N, C-alpha and C. Protein backbone atom coordinates (compact mmCIF):
# COMPACT_ATOMS: atom_id res chain seq x y z
N MET A 1 1.66 8.99 24.23
CA MET A 1 2.61 8.28 23.28
C MET A 1 3.57 7.45 24.05
N LEU A 2 3.90 6.34 23.50
CA LEU A 2 4.90 5.36 24.17
C LEU A 2 6.29 5.89 24.29
N THR A 3 7.05 5.66 25.19
CA THR A 3 8.41 5.91 25.25
C THR A 3 9.19 4.80 24.38
N CYS A 4 10.54 5.06 24.04
CA CYS A 4 11.21 4.12 23.25
C CYS A 4 11.38 2.83 24.06
N LYS A 5 11.48 2.95 25.24
CA LYS A 5 11.67 1.56 26.11
C LYS A 5 10.46 0.81 26.10
N GLU A 6 9.20 1.52 26.17
CA GLU A 6 7.98 0.85 26.15
C GLU A 6 7.75 0.23 24.68
N SER A 7 8.24 0.97 23.67
CA SER A 7 8.04 0.53 22.38
C SER A 7 8.94 -0.78 22.20
N SER A 8 10.27 -0.62 22.62
CA SER A 8 11.05 -1.76 22.31
C SER A 8 10.59 -3.15 23.18
N VAL A 9 9.93 -2.87 24.33
CA VAL A 9 9.25 -3.92 25.05
C VAL A 9 8.14 -4.58 24.23
N LEU A 10 7.25 -3.84 23.73
CA LEU A 10 6.21 -4.17 22.86
C LEU A 10 6.57 -4.90 21.62
N LEU A 11 7.72 -4.38 20.94
CA LEU A 11 8.15 -5.03 19.76
C LEU A 11 8.80 -6.35 20.19
N SER A 12 9.41 -6.52 21.28
CA SER A 12 9.92 -7.94 21.65
C SER A 12 8.80 -8.69 21.99
N GLN A 13 7.74 -8.36 22.76
CA GLN A 13 6.66 -9.17 22.96
C GLN A 13 5.79 -9.60 21.77
N ALA A 14 5.78 -8.79 20.86
CA ALA A 14 5.11 -9.08 19.62
C ALA A 14 5.70 -10.22 18.93
N GLN A 15 7.02 -10.58 19.25
CA GLN A 15 7.46 -11.79 18.63
C GLN A 15 7.02 -13.00 19.23
N GLU A 16 6.43 -12.91 20.46
CA GLU A 16 6.05 -14.02 21.16
C GLU A 16 4.55 -14.16 21.38
N ARG A 17 3.79 -13.12 21.29
CA ARG A 17 2.37 -13.00 21.34
C ARG A 17 1.65 -11.97 20.69
N PRO A 18 0.40 -12.36 20.25
CA PRO A 18 -0.23 -11.23 19.53
C PRO A 18 -0.58 -10.03 20.38
N LEU A 19 -0.18 -8.71 19.88
CA LEU A 19 -0.50 -7.60 20.83
C LEU A 19 -1.96 -7.26 20.60
N GLY A 20 -2.48 -6.62 21.69
CA GLY A 20 -3.92 -6.16 21.73
C GLY A 20 -4.05 -4.96 20.70
N LEU A 21 -5.35 -4.55 20.38
CA LEU A 21 -5.61 -3.49 19.57
C LEU A 21 -4.99 -2.12 20.08
N GLY A 22 -5.05 -1.89 21.23
CA GLY A 22 -4.51 -0.67 21.81
C GLY A 22 -3.12 -0.55 21.73
N GLU A 23 -2.35 -1.70 22.09
CA GLU A 23 -0.92 -1.95 21.99
C GLU A 23 -0.46 -1.56 20.47
N ARG A 24 -1.16 -2.26 19.58
CA ARG A 24 -0.73 -2.20 18.31
C ARG A 24 -0.92 -0.67 17.86
N LEU A 25 -1.96 0.01 18.18
CA LEU A 25 -2.18 1.40 17.75
C LEU A 25 -1.24 2.33 18.42
N ARG A 26 -0.90 2.14 19.58
CA ARG A 26 0.19 3.02 20.31
C ARG A 26 1.51 2.69 19.81
N LEU A 27 1.79 1.49 19.50
CA LEU A 27 3.15 1.15 18.89
C LEU A 27 3.15 1.78 17.53
N ARG A 28 2.16 1.58 16.62
CA ARG A 28 2.29 2.11 15.33
C ARG A 28 2.36 3.77 15.41
N LEU A 29 1.78 4.32 16.22
CA LEU A 29 1.89 5.89 16.33
C LEU A 29 3.44 6.15 16.72
N HIS A 30 4.02 5.51 17.63
CA HIS A 30 5.28 5.59 18.10
C HIS A 30 6.20 5.33 16.91
N LEU A 31 6.07 4.21 16.18
CA LEU A 31 7.07 4.05 14.99
C LEU A 31 6.94 4.98 14.04
N LEU A 32 5.66 5.71 13.77
CA LEU A 32 5.63 6.77 12.80
C LEU A 32 6.51 8.00 13.23
N ALA A 33 6.83 8.12 14.49
CA ALA A 33 7.49 9.34 14.87
C ALA A 33 8.95 9.08 15.26
N CYS A 34 9.34 7.78 15.38
CA CYS A 34 10.62 7.44 15.86
C CYS A 34 11.31 6.56 14.97
N ALA A 35 12.40 7.14 14.24
CA ALA A 35 13.15 6.29 13.40
C ALA A 35 14.00 5.21 14.00
N GLY A 36 14.47 5.53 15.27
CA GLY A 36 15.29 4.55 15.98
C GLY A 36 14.59 3.26 16.29
N CYS A 37 13.21 3.43 16.72
CA CYS A 37 12.40 2.20 17.00
C CYS A 37 11.91 1.56 15.74
N THR A 38 11.92 2.34 14.65
CA THR A 38 11.50 1.72 13.37
C THR A 38 12.58 0.91 13.00
N ASN A 39 13.90 1.33 13.04
CA ASN A 39 15.01 0.55 12.80
C ASN A 39 15.09 -0.79 13.60
N PHE A 40 14.81 -0.62 14.89
CA PHE A 40 14.88 -1.73 15.78
C PHE A 40 13.81 -2.77 15.31
N SER A 41 12.53 -2.26 15.02
CA SER A 41 11.57 -3.15 14.53
C SER A 41 12.13 -3.97 13.20
N ARG A 42 12.78 -3.24 12.33
CA ARG A 42 13.13 -3.93 11.14
C ARG A 42 14.23 -4.92 11.52
N GLN A 43 15.02 -4.50 12.33
CA GLN A 43 16.18 -5.53 12.80
C GLN A 43 15.51 -6.79 13.42
N LEU A 44 14.55 -6.51 14.16
CA LEU A 44 13.88 -7.85 14.81
C LEU A 44 13.31 -8.70 13.77
N ARG A 45 12.63 -8.07 12.78
CA ARG A 45 12.10 -8.85 11.51
C ARG A 45 13.14 -9.71 10.83
N ILE A 46 14.27 -8.98 10.61
CA ILE A 46 15.38 -9.61 9.73
C ILE A 46 15.89 -10.68 10.60
N ILE A 47 16.14 -10.55 11.93
CA ILE A 47 16.66 -11.76 12.85
C ILE A 47 15.68 -12.83 12.88
N ARG A 48 14.38 -12.52 12.97
CA ARG A 48 13.35 -13.65 13.01
C ARG A 48 13.38 -14.42 11.69
N ALA A 49 13.49 -13.70 10.58
CA ALA A 49 13.51 -14.36 9.27
C ALA A 49 14.77 -15.25 9.14
N ALA A 50 15.89 -14.72 9.50
CA ALA A 50 17.17 -15.50 9.52
C ALA A 50 16.93 -16.76 10.35
N ILE A 51 16.57 -16.65 11.52
CA ILE A 51 16.31 -17.88 12.30
C ILE A 51 15.36 -18.83 11.75
N ARG A 52 14.16 -18.37 11.16
CA ARG A 52 13.39 -19.24 10.44
C ARG A 52 14.07 -19.99 9.23
N ARG A 53 14.84 -19.32 8.55
CA ARG A 53 15.62 -19.85 7.30
C ARG A 53 16.50 -20.91 7.82
N GLN A 54 17.18 -20.53 8.82
CA GLN A 54 18.21 -21.53 9.50
C GLN A 54 17.55 -22.82 9.92
N ARG A 55 16.45 -22.65 10.62
CA ARG A 55 15.67 -23.75 11.19
C ARG A 55 15.14 -24.71 9.94
N ASP A 56 14.61 -23.96 8.93
CA ASP A 56 14.08 -24.68 7.90
C ASP A 56 15.36 -25.48 7.13
N GLU A 57 16.50 -24.93 7.06
CA GLU A 57 17.59 -25.62 6.56
C GLU A 57 18.05 -26.80 7.34
N ASP A 58 17.90 -26.74 8.66
CA ASP A 58 18.37 -27.81 9.42
C ASP A 58 17.46 -29.00 9.51
N ALA A 59 16.17 -28.56 9.08
CA ALA A 59 15.15 -29.63 9.14
C ALA A 59 15.37 -30.78 8.09
């Protein structure tokens, strides 16, 4: 299983590139077991959505 550090790296990389099947599966398993990383993942999605909204408003 991934460590929290490895999970946070993959979550960040997923914002920039598609993860491979193995990466996605290992990350999903970790997120099922780790509330902290699940919260981090949710925060990243919220931040990304806010940036998209701001960019759309500026256009």
